[in-house]
Amino acid sequence: MHFLKTNPIHFEEALNGKDFEIRLNDRDYKVGDRFTLKEFCGVRHYYKCPYINHNQCFEDDPYQGEIKNCIFKREYCTAYDEDKYSGREIIGRIENIFNLSDITKDSRFENYIAFKFKIINKRKC
């Protein structure tokens, strides 16, 4: 089973009939593989304090894992990123796979594939 995140616009397209995905082939996809397509809504940035639990969200701070001065002036906080999902998911099965470099004859797409899929189930859609 592959767990794949996708932006809301592409998730909606899949709900409305789009039956293919273009992906970097970094998971050795095969015909018959099942996957869960998860609607990705962005990244939440927050700090964790070693002394008290004060997860505070800083949407404009891009520094993950960086040590910051604690907002309570006690010690140091560590910055983290956390993926946010809507909870909507599509479970599918890969029906066919095409190498994009074979189709386009362009070496820039050497490790990219397009796979046609069939929806098996939808969750919270």
PDB file of N, CA and C in Angstrom:
ATOM      1  N   MET A   1       0.857  -1.184   0.000  1.00  0.00           N
ATOM      2  CA  MET A   1       0.000   0.000   0.000  1.00  0.00           C
ATOM      3  C   MET A   1       0.895   1.237   0.000  1.00  0.00           C
ATOM      4  N   HIS A   2       0.611   2.152  -0.906  1.00  0.00           N
ATOM      5  CA  HIS A   2       1.330   3.422  -0.979  1.00  0.00           C
ATOM      6  C   HIS A   2       0.434   4.514  -0.397  1.00  0.00           C
ATOM      7  N   PHE A   3       1.004   5.397   0.411  1.00  0.00           N
ATOM      8  CA  PHE A   3       0.276   6.544   0.944  1.00  0.00           C
ATOM      9  C   PHE A   3       0.805   7.777   0.238  1.00  0.00           C
ATOM     10  N   LEU A   4      -0.074   8.448  -0.506  1.00  0.00           N
ATOM     11  CA  LEU A   4       0.317   9.570  -1.352  1.00  0.00           C
ATOM     12  C   LEU A   4      -0.438  10.822  -0.948  1.00  0.00           C
ATOM     13  N   LYS A   5       0.275  11.937  -0.840  1.00  0.00           N
ATOM     14  CA  LYS A   5      -0.429  13.181  -0.565  1.00  0.00           C
ATOM     15  C   LYS A   5      -0.588  13.955  -1.863  1.00  0.00           C
ATOM     16  N   THR A   6      -1.702  14.690  -1.944  1.00  0.00           N
ATOM     17  CA  THR A   6      -1.982  15.468  -3.141  1.00  0.00           C
ATOM     18  C   THR A   6      -2.690  16.765  -2.736  1.00  0.00           C
ATOM     19  N   ASN A   7      -2.496  17.794  -3.528  1.00  0.00           N
ATOM     20  CA  ASN A   7      -3.130  19.085  -3.253  1.00  0.00           C
ATOM     21  C   ASN A   7      -4.639  19.002  -3.469  1.00  0.00           C
ATOM     22  N   PRO A   8      -5.392  19.871  -2.786  1.00  0.00           N
ATOM     23  CA  PRO A   8      -6.850  19.823  -2.882  1.00  0.00           C
ATOM     24  C   PRO A   8      -7.394  19.874  -4.312  1.00  0.00           C
ATOM     25  N   ILE A   9      -6.793  20.664  -5.177  1.00  0.00           N
ATOM     26  CA  ILE A   9      -7.321  20.774  -6.548  1.00  0.00           C
ATOM     27  C   ILE A   9      -7.207  19.444  -7.278  1.00  0.00           C
ATOM     28  N   HIS A  10      -6.097  18.731  -7.104  1.00  0.00           N
ATOM     29  CA  HIS A  10      -5.916  17.437  -7.756  1.00  0.00           C
ATOM     30  C   HIS A  10      -6.774  16.354  -7.095  1.00  0.00           C
ATOM     31  N   PHE A  11      -7.001  16.486  -5.793  1.00  0.00           N
ATOM     32  CA  PHE A  11      -7.882  15.551  -5.096  1.00  0.00           C
ATOM     33  C   PHE A  11      -9.309  15.674  -5.640  1.00  0.00           C
ATOM     34  N   GLU A  12      -9.783  16.920  -5.797  1.00  0.00           N
ATOM     35  CA  GLU A  12     -11.123  17.154  -6.344  1.00  0.00           C
ATOM     36  C   GLU A  12     -11.246  16.598  -7.752  1.00  0.00           C
ATOM     37  N   GLU A  13     -10.189  16.777  -8.553  1.00  0.00           N
ATOM     38  CA  GLU A  13     -10.214  16.241  -9.914  1.00  0.00           C
ATOM     39  C   GLU A  13     -10.379  14.726  -9.891  1.00  0.00           C
ATOM     40  N   ALA A  14      -9.696  14.048  -8.965  1.00  0.00           N
ATOM     41  CA  ALA A  14      -9.820  12.589  -8.849  1.00  0.00           C
ATOM     42  C   ALA A  14     -11.242  12.201  -8.429  1.00  0.00           C
ATOM     43  N   LEU A  15     -11.836  12.976  -7.532  1.00  0.00           N
ATOM     44  CA  LEU A  15     -13.221  12.706  -7.125  1.00  0.00           C
ATOM     45  C   LEU A  15     -14.188  12.880  -8.289  1.00  0.00           C
ATOM     46  N   ASN A  16     -13.856  13.799  -9.193  1.00  0.00           N
ATOM     47  CA  ASN A  16     -14.747  14.129 -10.301  1.00  0.00           C
ATOM     48  C   ASN A  16     -14.405  13.393 -11.595  1.00  0.00           C
ATOM     49  N   GLY A  17     -13.620  12.312 -11.508  1.00  0.00           N
ATOM     50  CA  GLY A  17     -13.422  11.496 -12.691  1.00  0.00           C
ATOM     51  C   GLY A  17     -12.015  11.369 -13.229  1.00  0.00           C
ATOM     52  N   LYS A  18     -11.071  12.206 -12.792  1.00  0.00           N
ATOM     53  CA  LYS A  18      -9.695  12.036 -13.265  1.00  0.00           C
ATOM     54  C   LYS A  18      -9.207  10.679 -12.775  1.00  0.00           C
ATOM     55  N   ASP A  19      -8.662   9.870 -13.669  1.00  0.00           N
ATOM     56  CA  ASP A  19      -8.295   8.512 -13.290  1.00  0.00           C
ATOM     57  C   ASP A  19      -6.814   8.211 -13.527  1.00  0.00           C
ATOM     58  N   PHE A  20      -5.972   9.235 -13.400  1.00  0.00           N
ATOM     59  CA  PHE A  20      -4.535   9.005 -13.555  1.00  0.00           C
ATOM     60  C   PHE A  20      -3.764   9.945 -12.627  1.00  0.00           C
ATOM     61  N   GLU A  21      -2.546   9.550 -12.319  1.00  0.00           N
ATOM     62  CA  GLU A  21      -1.623  10.353 -11.518  1.00  0.00           C
ATOM     63  C   GLU A  21      -0.288  10.371 -12.240  1.00  0.00           C
ATOM     64  N   ILE A  22       0.421  11.484 -12.150  1.00  0.00           N
ATOM     65  CA  ILE A  22       1.794  11.582 -12.638  1.00  0.00           C
ATOM     66  C   ILE A  22       2.668  11.722 -11.404  1.00  0.00           C
ATOM     67  N   ARG A  23       3.632  10.827 -11.272  1.00  0.00           N
ATOM     68  CA  ARG A  23       4.445  10.750 -10.059  1.00  0.00           C
ATOM     69  C   ARG A  23       5.891  10.425 -10.397  1.00  0.00           C
ATOM     70  N   LEU A  24       6.791  10.863  -9.513  1.00  0.00           N
ATOM     71  CA  LEU A  24       8.161  10.392  -9.526  1.00  0.00           C
ATOM     72  C   LEU A  24       8.101   8.926  -9.118  1.00  0.00           C
ATOM     73  N   ASN A  25       8.773   8.063  -9.842  1.00  0.00           N
ATOM     74  CA  ASN A  25       8.710   6.633  -9.529  1.00  0.00           C
ATOM     75  C   ASN A  25       9.743   6.287  -8.457  1.00  0.00           C
ATOM     76  N   ASP A  26       9.529   6.826  -7.272  1.00  0.00           N
ATOM     77  CA  ASP A  26      10.444   6.591  -6.162  1.00  0.00           C
ATOM     78  C   ASP A  26       9.963   5.474  -5.244  1.00  0.00           C
ATOM     79  N   ARG A  27       8.871   4.808  -5.621  1.00  0.00           N
ATOM     80  CA  ARG A  27       8.294   3.745  -4.778  1.00  0.00           C
ATOM     81  C   ARG A  27       8.148   2.427  -5.522  1.00  0.00           C
ATOM     82  N   ASP A  28       8.712   2.347  -6.702  1.00  0.00           N
ATOM     83  CA  ASP A  28       8.639   1.125  -7.503  1.00  0.00           C
ATOM     84  C   ASP A  28       7.188   0.672  -7.690  1.00  0.00           C
ATOM     85  N   TYR A  29       6.363   1.586  -8.219  1.00  0.00           N
ATOM     86  CA  TYR A  29       4.953   1.288  -8.464  1.00  0.00           C
ATOM     87  C   TYR A  29       4.804   0.124  -9.433  1.00  0.00           C
ATOM     88  N   LYS A  30       3.790  -0.708  -9.196  1.00  0.00           N
ATOM     89  CA  LYS A  30       3.508  -1.835 -10.068  1.00  0.00           C
ATOM     90  C   LYS A  30       1.999  -1.926 -10.308  1.00  0.00           C
ATOM     91  N   VAL A  31       1.619  -2.478 -11.461  1.00  0.00           N
ATOM     92  CA  VAL A  31       0.211  -2.714 -11.754  1.00  0.00           C
ATOM     93  C   VAL A  31      -0.345  -3.628 -10.666  1.00  0.00           C
ATOM     94  N   GLY A  32      -1.516  -3.260 -10.142  1.00  0.00           N
ATOM     95  CA  GLY A  32      -2.145  -4.021  -9.068  1.00  0.00           C
ATOM     96  C   GLY A  32      -1.896  -3.448  -7.690  1.00  0.00           C
ATOM     97  N   ASP A  33      -0.879  -2.575  -7.565  1.00  0.00           N
ATOM     98  CA  ASP A  33      -0.610  -1.938  -6.264  1.00  0.00           C
ATOM     99  C   ASP A  33      -1.807  -1.109  -5.832  1.00  0.00           C
ATOM    100  N   ARG A  34      -2.064  -1.110  -4.539  1.00  0.00           N
ATOM    101  CA  ARG A  34      -3.097  -0.244  -3.969  1.00  0.00           C
ATOM    102  C   ARG A  34      -2.441   0.985  -3.371  1.00  0.00           C
ATOM    103  N   PHE A  35      -3.204   2.072  -3.342  1.00  0.00           N
ATOM    104  CA  PHE A  35      -2.686   3.313  -2.773  1.00  0.00           C
ATOM    105  C   PHE A  35      -3.810   4.058  -2.066  1.00  0.00           C
ATOM    106  N   THR A  36      -3.410   4.925  -1.164  1.00  0.00           N
ATOM    107  CA  THR A  36      -4.343   5.847  -0.522  1.00  0.00           C
ATOM    108  C   THR A  36      -3.893   7.249  -0.879  1.00  0.00           C
ATOM    109  N   LEU A  37      -4.754   7.981  -1.560  1.00  0.00           N
ATOM    110  CA  LEU A  37      -4.504   9.365  -1.944  1.00  0.00           C
ATOM    111  C   LEU A  37      -5.101  10.248  -0.858  1.00  0.00           C
ATOM    112  N   LYS A  38      -4.244  11.007  -0.157  1.00  0.00           N
ATOM    113  CA  LYS A  38      -4.685  11.824   0.970  1.00  0.00           C
ATOM    114  C   LYS A  38      -4.659  13.302   0.573  1.00  0.00           C
ATOM    115  N   GLU A  39      -5.729  14.015   0.886  1.00  0.00           N
ATOM    116  CA  GLU A  39      -5.811  15.439   0.550  1.00  0.00           C
ATOM    117  C   GLU A  39      -4.934  16.229   1.514  1.00  0.00           C
ATOM    118  N   PHE A  40      -3.875  16.838   0.974  1.00  0.00           N
ATOM    119  CA  PHE A  40      -2.872  17.581   1.738  1.00  0.00           C
ATOM    120  C   PHE A  40      -3.248  19.055   1.779  1.00  0.00           C
ATOM    121  N   CYS A  41      -3.282  19.625   2.986  1.00  0.00           N
ATOM    122  CA  CYS A  41      -3.734  21.012   3.144  1.00  0.00           C
ATOM    123  C   CYS A  41      -2.634  21.982   3.562  1.00  0.00           C
ATOM    124  N   GLY A  42      -1.401  21.547   3.597  1.00  0.00           N
ATOM    125  CA  GLY A  42      -0.315  22.452   3.942  1.00  0.00           C
ATOM    126  C   GLY A  42       0.463  21.976   5.152  1.00  0.00           C
ATOM    127  N   VAL A  43       1.312  22.871   5.634  1.00  0.00           N
ATOM    128  CA  VAL A  43       2.198  22.550   6.750  1.00  0.00           C
ATOM    129  C   VAL A  43       1.917  23.492   7.904  1.00  0.00           C
ATOM    130  N   ARG A  44       1.861  22.953   9.100  1.00  0.00           N
ATOM    131  CA  ARG A  44       1.701  23.745  10.323  1.00  0.00           C
ATOM    132  C   ARG A  44       3.070  23.837  10.978  1.00  0.00           C
ATOM    133  N   HIS A  45       3.515  25.054  11.291  1.00  0.00           N
ATOM    134  CA  HIS A  45       4.785  25.265  11.993  1.00  0.00           C
ATOM    135  C   HIS A  45       4.476  25.535  13.458  1.00  0.00           C
ATOM    136  N   TYR A  46       5.198  24.876  14.351  1.00  0.00           N
ATOM    137  CA  TYR A  46       4.967  25.120  15.769  1.00  0.00           C
ATOM    138  C   TYR A  46       6.249  24.907  16.559  1.00  0.00           C
ATOM    139  N   TYR A  47       6.247  25.404  17.787  1.00  0.00           N
ATOM    140  CA  TYR A  47       7.381  25.257  18.697  1.00  0.00           C
ATOM    141  C   TYR A  47       6.974  24.380  19.865  1.00  0.00           C
ATOM    142  N   LYS A  48       7.903  23.584  20.356  1.00  0.00           N
ATOM    143  CA  LYS A  48       7.676  22.770  21.551  1.00  0.00           C
ATOM    144  C   LYS A  48       8.640  23.229  22.622  1.00  0.00           C
ATOM    145  N   CYS A  49       8.105  23.496  23.806  1.00  0.00           N
ATOM    146  CA  CYS A  49       8.900  23.945  24.945  1.00  0.00           C
ATOM    147  C   CYS A  49       9.239  22.725  25.810  1.00  0.00           C
ATOM    148  N   PRO A  50      10.474  22.598  26.273  1.00  0.00           N
ATOM    149  CA  PRO A  50      10.823  21.448  27.104  1.00  0.00           C
ATOM    150  C   PRO A  50      10.206  21.495  28.500  1.00  0.00           C
ATOM    151  N   TYR A  51       9.657  22.629  28.908  1.00  0.00           N
ATOM    152  CA  TYR A  51       9.160  22.769  30.271  1.00  0.00           C
ATOM    153  C   TYR A  51       7.645  22.687  30.392  1.00  0.00           C
ATOM    154  N   ILE A  52       6.953  23.288  29.453  1.00  0.00           N
ATOM    155  CA  ILE A  52       5.489  23.237  29.484  1.00  0.00           C
ATOM    156  C   ILE A  52       4.993  22.935  28.081  1.00  0.00           C
ATOM    157  N   ASN A  53       3.794  22.435  27.988  1.00  0.00           N
ATOM    158  CA  ASN A  53       3.228  22.078  26.696  1.00  0.00           C
ATOM    159  C   ASN A  53       2.555  23.304  26.105  1.00  0.00           C
ATOM    160  N   HIS A  54       3.274  24.035  25.264  1.00  0.00           N
ATOM    161  CA  HIS A  54       2.673  25.225  24.635  1.00  0.00           C
ATOM    162  C   HIS A  54       2.911  25.204  23.128  1.00  0.00           C
ATOM    163  N   ASN A  55       2.315  24.238  22.452  1.00  0.00           N
ATOM    164  CA  ASN A  55       2.434  24.189  20.993  1.00  0.00           C
ATOM    165  C   ASN A  55       1.801  25.451  20.427  1.00  0.00           C
ATOM    166  N   GLN A  56       2.640  26.314  19.911  1.00  0.00           N
ATOM    167  CA  GLN A  56       2.149  27.572  19.356  1.00  0.00           C
ATOM    168  C   GLN A  56       2.450  27.593  17.871  1.00  0.00           C
ATOM    169  N   CYS A  57       1.477  27.932  17.068  1.00  0.00           N
ATOM    170  CA  CYS A  57       1.595  27.873  15.624  1.00  0.00           C
ATOM    171  C   CYS A  57       2.165  29.178  15.071  1.00  0.00           C
ATOM    172  N   PHE A  58       3.192  29.076  14.227  1.00  0.00           N
ATOM    173  CA  PHE A  58       3.778  30.222  13.548  1.00  0.00           C
ATOM    174  C   PHE A  58       3.793  29.897  12.063  1.00  0.00           C
ATOM    175  N   GLU A  59       2.745  30.289  11.359  1.00  0.00           N
ATOM    176  CA  GLU A  59       2.579  29.898   9.960  1.00  0.00           C
ATOM    177  C   GLU A  59       3.675  30.436   9.041  1.00  0.00           C
ATOM    178  N   ASP A  60       4.322  31.538   9.391  1.00  0.00           N
ATOM    179  CA  ASP A  60       5.295  32.133   8.485  1.00  0.00           C
ATOM    180  C   ASP A  60       6.727  31.748   8.812  1.00  0.00           C
ATOM    181  N   ASP A  61       6.967  30.825   9.738  1.00  0.00           N
ATOM    182  CA  ASP A  61       8.315  30.453  10.135  1.00  0.00           C
ATOM    183  C   ASP A  61       8.744  29.178   9.420  1.00  0.00           C
ATOM    184  N   PRO A  62       9.698  29.257   8.485  1.00  0.00           N
ATOM    185  CA  PRO A  62      10.075  28.088   7.698  1.00  0.00           C
ATOM    186  C   PRO A  62      11.159  27.216   8.325  1.00  0.00           C
ATOM    187  N   TYR A  63      11.599  27.483   9.560  1.00  0.00           N
ATOM    188  CA  TYR A  63      12.749  26.800  10.124  1.00  0.00           C
ATOM    189  C   TYR A  63      12.352  25.604  10.970  1.00  0.00           C
ATOM    190  N   GLN A  64      12.491  24.430  10.400  1.00  0.00           N
ATOM    191  CA  GLN A  64      12.117  23.207  11.105  1.00  0.00           C
ATOM    192  C   GLN A  64      13.305  22.717  11.939  1.00  0.00           C
ATOM    193  N   GLY A  65      13.035  22.351  13.181  1.00  0.00           N
ATOM    194  CA  GLY A  65      14.057  21.793  14.046  1.00  0.00           C
ATOM    195  C   GLY A  65      15.045  22.805  14.591  1.00  0.00           C
ATOM    196  N   GLU A  66      14.858  24.064  14.298  1.00  0.00           N
ATOM    197  CA  GLU A  66      15.800  25.088  14.765  1.00  0.00           C
ATOM    198  C   GLU A  66      15.489  25.459  16.217  1.00  0.00           C
ATOM    199  N   ILE A  67      16.532  25.658  16.999  1.00  0.00           N
ATOM    200  CA  ILE A  67      16.357  26.039  18.397  1.00  0.00           C
ATOM    201  C   ILE A  67      16.041  27.530  18.459  1.00  0.00           C
ATOM    202  N   LYS A  68      15.007  27.875  19.192  1.00  0.00           N
ATOM    203  CA  LYS A  68      14.586  29.271  19.340  1.00  0.00           C
ATOM    204  C   LYS A  68      14.530  29.616  20.820  1.00  0.00           C
ATOM    205  N   ASN A  69      14.619  30.885  21.132  1.00  0.00           N
ATOM    206  CA  ASN A  69      14.405  31.313  22.508  1.00  0.00           C
ATOM    207  C   ASN A  69      12.960  31.046  22.879  1.00  0.00           C
ATOM    208  N   CYS A  70      12.778  30.527  24.077  1.00  0.00           N
ATOM    209  CA  CYS A  70      11.440  30.194  24.547  1.00  0.00           C
ATOM    210  C   CYS A  70      10.618  31.473  24.700  1.00  0.00           C
ATOM    211  N   ILE A  71       9.356  31.421  24.260  1.00  0.00           N
ATOM    212  CA  ILE A  71       8.517  32.609  24.392  1.00  0.00           C
ATOM    213  C   ILE A  71       8.192  32.907  25.849  1.00  0.00           C
ATOM    214  N   PHE A  72       8.436  31.930  26.723  1.00  0.00           N
ATOM    215  CA  PHE A  72       8.225  32.150  28.157  1.00  0.00           C
ATOM    216  C   PHE A  72       9.522  32.476  28.873  1.00  0.00           C
ATOM    217  N   LYS A  73      10.611  32.695  28.113  1.00  0.00           N
ATOM    218  CA  LYS A  73      11.919  33.119  28.620  1.00  0.00           C
ATOM    219  C   LYS A  73      12.525  32.121  29.603  1.00  0.00           C
ATOM    220  N   ARG A  74      12.243  30.820  29.426  1.00  0.00           N
ATOM    221  CA  ARG A  74      12.770  29.833  30.362  1.00  0.00           C
ATOM    222  C   ARG A  74      13.986  29.101  29.826  1.00  0.00           C
ATOM    223  N   GLU A  75      13.935  28.645  28.627  1.00  0.00           N
ATOM    224  CA  GLU A  75      14.990  27.817  28.064  1.00  0.00           C
ATOM    225  C   GLU A  75      14.891  27.979  26.557  1.00  0.00           C
ATOM    226  N   TYR A  76      14.950  26.910  25.839  1.00  0.00           N
ATOM    227  CA  TYR A  76      14.845  26.964  24.394  1.00  0.00           C
ATOM    228  C   TYR A  76      13.678  26.116  23.909  1.00  0.00           C
ATOM    229  N   CYS A  77      13.107  26.535  22.807  1.00  0.00           N
ATOM    230  CA  CYS A  77      12.046  25.778  22.157  1.00  0.00           C
ATOM    231  C   CYS A  77      12.603  25.235  20.844  1.00  0.00           C
ATOM    232  N   THR A  78      12.034  24.153  20.365  1.00  0.00           N
ATOM    233  CA  THR A  78      12.439  23.577  19.094  1.00  0.00           C
ATOM    234  C   THR A  78      11.290  23.742  18.106  1.00  0.00           C
ATOM    235  N   ALA A  79      11.625  24.172  16.897  1.00  0.00           N
ATOM    236  CA  ALA A  79      10.613  24.379  15.864  1.00  0.00           C
ATOM    237  C   ALA A  79      10.385  23.078  15.095  1.00  0.00           C
ATOM    238  N   TYR A  80       9.121  22.789  14.805  1.00  0.00           N
ATOM    239  CA  TYR A  80       8.748  21.587  14.061  1.00  0.00           C
ATOM    240  C   TYR A  80       7.755  21.941  12.961  1.00  0.00           C
ATOM    241  N   ASP A  81       7.719  21.100  11.951  1.00  0.00           N
ATOM    242  CA  ASP A  81       6.695  21.188  10.909  1.00  0.00           C
ATOM    243  C   ASP A  81       5.819  19.945  11.018  1.00  0.00           C
ATOM    244  N   GLU A  82       4.552  20.123  10.739  1.00  0.00           N
ATOM    245  CA  GLU A  82       3.614  19.011  10.777  1.00  0.00           C
ATOM    246  C   GLU A  82       2.699  19.130   9.565  1.00  0.00           C
ATOM    247  N   ASP A  83       2.614  18.054   8.779  1.00  0.00           N
ATOM    248  CA  ASP A  83       1.721  18.060   7.621  1.00  0.00           C
ATOM    249  C   ASP A  83       0.274  18.080   8.098  1.00  0.00           C
ATOM    250  N   LYS A  84      -0.554  18.875   7.415  1.00  0.00           N
ATOM    251  CA  LYS A  84      -1.983  18.942   7.726  1.00  0.00           C
ATOM    252  C   LYS A  84      -2.763  18.276   6.596  1.00  0.00           C
ATOM    253  N   TYR A  85      -3.723  17.434   6.960  1.00  0.00           N
ATOM    254  CA  TYR A  85      -4.568  16.749   5.999  1.00  0.00           C
ATOM    255  C   TYR A  85      -6.025  17.045   6.313  1.00  0.00           C
ATOM    256  N   SER A  86      -6.873  16.991   5.292  1.00  0.00           N
ATOM    257  CA  SER A  86      -8.303  17.260   5.480  1.00  0.00           C
ATOM    258  C   SER A  86      -9.023  16.061   6.099  1.00  0.00           C
ATOM    259  N   GLY A  87      -8.458  14.880   5.952  1.00  0.00           N
ATOM    260  CA  GLY A  87      -9.130  13.659   6.393  1.00  0.00           C
ATOM    261  C   GLY A  87      -9.819  12.936   5.240  1.00  0.00           C
ATOM    262  N   ARG A  88      -9.919  13.610   4.080  1.00  0.00           N
ATOM    263  CA  ARG A  88     -10.524  12.961   2.916  1.00  0.00           C
ATOM    264  C   ARG A  88      -9.469  12.094   2.218  1.00  0.00           C
ATOM    265  N   GLU A  89      -9.878  10.883   1.835  1.00  0.00           N
ATOM    266  CA  GLU A  89      -8.958   9.950   1.206  1.00  0.00           C
ATOM    267  C   GLU A  89      -9.656   9.178   0.092  1.00  0.00           C
ATOM    268  N   ILE A  90      -8.865   8.821  -0.899  1.00  0.00           N
ATOM    269  CA  ILE A  90      -9.327   7.949  -1.973  1.00  0.00           C
ATOM    270  C   ILE A  90      -8.431   6.720  -1.960  1.00  0.00           C
ATOM    271  N   ILE A  91      -9.041   5.553  -1.934  1.00  0.00           N
ATOM    272  CA  ILE A  91      -8.274   4.318  -2.020  1.00  0.00           C
ATOM    273  C   ILE A  91      -8.439   3.799  -3.433  1.00  0.00           C
ATOM    274  N   GLY A  92      -7.317   3.495  -4.073  1.00  0.00           N
ATOM    275  CA  GLY A  92      -7.372   3.064  -5.460  1.00  0.00           C
ATOM    276  C   GLY A  92      -6.418   1.927  -5.763  1.00  0.00           C
ATOM    277  N   ARG A  93      -6.554   1.396  -6.973  1.00  0.00           N
ATOM    278  CA  ARG A  93      -5.679   0.332  -7.447  1.00  0.00           C
ATOM    279  C   ARG A  93      -5.104   0.753  -8.801  1.00  0.00           C
ATOM    280  N   ILE A  94      -3.801   0.563  -8.968  1.00  0.00           N
ATOM    281  CA  ILE A  94      -3.132   0.922 -10.217  1.00  0.00           C
ATOM    282  C   ILE A  94      -3.503  -0.088 -11.290  1.00  0.00           C
ATOM    283  N   GLU A  95      -4.053   0.416 -12.406  1.00  0.00           N
ATOM    284  CA  GLU A  95      -4.501  -0.426 -13.518  1.00  0.00           C
ATOM    285  C   GLU A  95      -3.463  -0.514 -14.639  1.00  0.00           C
ATOM    286  N   ASN A  96      -2.703   0.554 -14.851  1.00  0.00           N
ATOM    287  CA  ASN A  96      -1.738   0.604 -15.938  1.00  0.00           C
ATOM    288  C   ASN A  96      -0.659   1.629 -15.600  1.00  0.00           C
ATOM    289  N   ILE A  97       0.554   1.429 -16.085  1.00  0.00           N
ATOM    290  CA  ILE A  97       1.672   2.342 -15.809  1.00  0.00           C
ATOM    291  C   ILE A  97       2.374   2.662 -17.124  1.00  0.00           C
ATOM    292  N   PHE A  98       2.718   3.949 -17.282  1.00  0.00           N
ATOM    293  CA  PHE A  98       3.440   4.413 -18.461  1.00  0.00           C
ATOM    294  C   PHE A  98       4.653   5.212 -18.005  1.00  0.00           C
ATOM    295  N   ASN A  99       5.816   4.938 -18.597  1.00  0.00           N
ATOM    296  CA  ASN A  99       6.998   5.761 -18.338  1.00  0.00           C
ATOM    297  C   ASN A  99       6.893   7.025 -19.183  1.00  0.00           C
ATOM    298  N   LEU A 100       6.988   8.180 -18.537  1.00  0.00           N
ATOM    299  CA  LEU A 100       6.846   9.428 -19.292  1.00  0.00           C
ATOM    300  C   LEU A 100       7.985   9.638 -20.271  1.00  0.00           C
ATOM    301  N   SER A 101       9.177   9.151 -19.959  1.00  0.00           N
ATOM    302  CA  SER A 101      10.297   9.326 -20.891  1.00  0.00           C
ATOM    303  C   SER A 101      10.052   8.540 -22.191  1.00  0.00           C
ATOM    304  N   ASP A 102       9.338   7.416 -22.110  1.00  0.00           N
ATOM    305  CA  ASP A 102       9.004   6.657 -23.325  1.00  0.00           C
ATOM    306  C   ASP A 102       7.988   7.407 -24.182  1.00  0.00           C
ATOM    307  N   ILE A 103       7.067   8.095 -23.521  1.00  0.00           N
ATOM    308  CA  ILE A 103       6.009   8.808 -24.235  1.00  0.00           C
ATOM    309  C   ILE A 103       6.538  10.115 -24.829  1.00  0.00           C
ATOM    310  N   THR A 104       7.330  10.863 -24.039  1.00  0.00           N
ATOM    311  CA  THR A 104       7.777  12.187 -24.473  1.00  0.00           C
ATOM    312  C   THR A 104       9.114  12.164 -25.195  1.00  0.00           C
ATOM    313  N   LYS A 105       9.871  11.073 -25.050  1.00  0.00           N
ATOM    314  CA  LYS A 105      11.239  10.973 -25.597  1.00  0.00           C
ATOM    315  C   LYS A 105      12.127  12.074 -25.019  1.00  0.00           C
ATOM    316  N   ASP A 106      11.838  12.491 -23.789  1.00  0.00           N
ATOM    317  CA  ASP A 106      12.580  13.555 -23.117  1.00  0.00           C
ATOM    318  C   ASP A 106      13.222  12.982 -21.858  1.00  0.00           C
ATOM    319  N   SER A 107      14.543  13.051 -21.755  1.00  0.00           N
ATOM    320  CA  SER A 107      15.256  12.445 -20.630  1.00  0.00           C
ATOM    321  C   SER A 107      14.969  13.129 -19.295  1.00  0.00           C
ATOM    322  N   ARG A 108      14.406  14.336 -19.310  1.00  0.00           N
ATOM    323  CA  ARG A 108      14.061  15.013 -18.044  1.00  0.00           C
ATOM    324  C   ARG A 108      12.969  14.266 -17.298  1.00  0.00           C
ATOM    325  N   PHE A 109      12.202  13.452 -17.996  1.00  0.00           N
ATOM    326  CA  PHE A 109      11.107  12.704 -17.387  1.00  0.00           C
ATOM    327  C   PHE A 109      11.471  11.235 -17.160  1.00  0.00           C
ATOM    328  N   GLU A 110      12.759  10.938 -17.127  1.00  0.00           N
ATOM    329  CA  GLU A 110      13.233   9.560 -17.049  1.00  0.00           C
ATOM    330  C   GLU A 110      12.678   8.791 -15.846  1.00  0.00           C
ATOM    331  N   ASN A 111      12.573   9.411 -14.703  1.00  0.00           N
ATOM    332  CA  ASN A 111      12.112   8.723 -13.492  1.00  0.00           C
ATOM    333  C   ASN A 111      10.648   9.009 -13.154  1.00  0.00           C
ATOM    334  N   TYR A 112       9.896   9.531 -14.110  1.00  0.00           N
ATOM    335  CA  TYR A 112       8.487   9.851 -13.871  1.00  0.00           C
ATOM    336  C   TYR A 112       7.584   8.862 -14.601  1.00  0.00           C
ATOM    337  N   ILE A 113       6.466   8.563 -13.949  1.00  0.00           N
ATOM    338  CA  ILE A 113       5.483   7.672 -14.547  1.00  0.00           C
ATOM    339  C   ILE A 113       4.105   8.331 -14.503  1.00  0.00           C
ATOM    340  N   ALA A 114       3.235   7.830 -15.332  1.00  0.00           N
ATOM    341  CA  ALA A 114       1.806   8.139 -15.232  1.00  0.00           C
ATOM    342  C   ALA A 114       1.146   6.801 -14.977  1.00  0.00           C
ATOM    343  N   PHE A 115       0.271   6.762 -13.982  1.00  0.00           N
ATOM    344  CA  PHE A 115      -0.469   5.521 -13.798  1.00  0.00           C
ATOM    345  C   PHE A 115      -1.959   5.789 -13.815  1.00  0.00           C
ATOM    346  N   LYS A 116      -2.652   4.883 -14.487  1.00  0.00           N
ATOM    347  CA  LYS A 116      -4.113   4.915 -14.545  1.00  0.00           C
ATOM    348  C   LYS A 116      -4.605   4.106 -13.363  1.00  0.00           C
ATOM    349  N   PHE A 117      -5.649   4.608 -12.690  1.00  0.00           N
ATOM    350  CA  PHE A 117      -6.122   3.897 -11.509  1.00  0.00           C
ATOM    351  C   PHE A 117      -7.640   3.775 -11.492  1.00  0.00           C
ATOM    352  N   LYS A 118      -8.097   2.870 -10.665  1.00  0.00           N
ATOM    353  CA  LYS A 118      -9.517   2.673 -10.426  1.00  0.00           C
ATOM    354  C   LYS A 118      -9.772   2.949  -8.955  1.00  0.00           C
ATOM    355  N   ILE A 119     -10.788   3.749  -8.658  1.00  0.00           N
ATOM    356  CA  ILE A 119     -11.153   4.039  -7.277  1.00  0.00           C
ATOM    357  C   ILE A 119     -11.858   2.827  -6.667  1.00  0.00           C
ATOM    358  N   ILE A 120     -11.396   2.406  -5.503  1.00  0.00           N
ATOM    359  CA  ILE A 120     -11.989   1.285  -4.785  1.00  0.00           C
ATOM    360  C   ILE A 120     -12.913   1.791  -3.685  1.00  0.00           C
ATOM    361  N   ASN A 121     -12.501   2.876  -3.024  1.00  0.00           N
ATOM    362  CA  ASN A 121     -13.276   3.396  -1.885  1.00  0.00           C
ATOM    363  C   ASN A 121     -12.928   4.866  -1.692  1.00  0.00           C
ATOM    364  N   LYS A 122     -13.833   5.583  -1.022  1.00  0.00           N
ATOM    365  CA  LYS A 122     -13.628   6.977  -0.653  1.00  0.00           C
ATOM    366  C   LYS A 122     -13.936   7.111   0.834  1.00  0.00           C
ATOM    367  N   ARG A 123     -13.137   7.910   1.540  1.00  0.00           N
ATOM    368  CA  ARG A 123     -13.362   8.135   2.958  1.00  0.00           C
ATOM    369  C   ARG A 123     -13.594   9.610   3.218  1.00  0.00           C
ATOM    370  N   LYS A 124     -14.649   9.923   3.952  1.00  0.00           N
ATOM    371  CA  LYS A 124     -14.995  11.295   4.333  1.00  0.00           C
ATOM    372  C   LYS A 124     -15.119  12.205   3.134  1.00  0.00           C
ATOM    373  N   CYS A 125     -15.627  11.706   2.027  1.00  0.00           N
ATOM    374  CA  CYS A 125     -15.748  12.535   0.825  1.00  0.00           C
ATOM    375  C   CYS A 125     -17.180  12.997   0.623  1.00  0.00           C
TER     376      CYS A 125
END
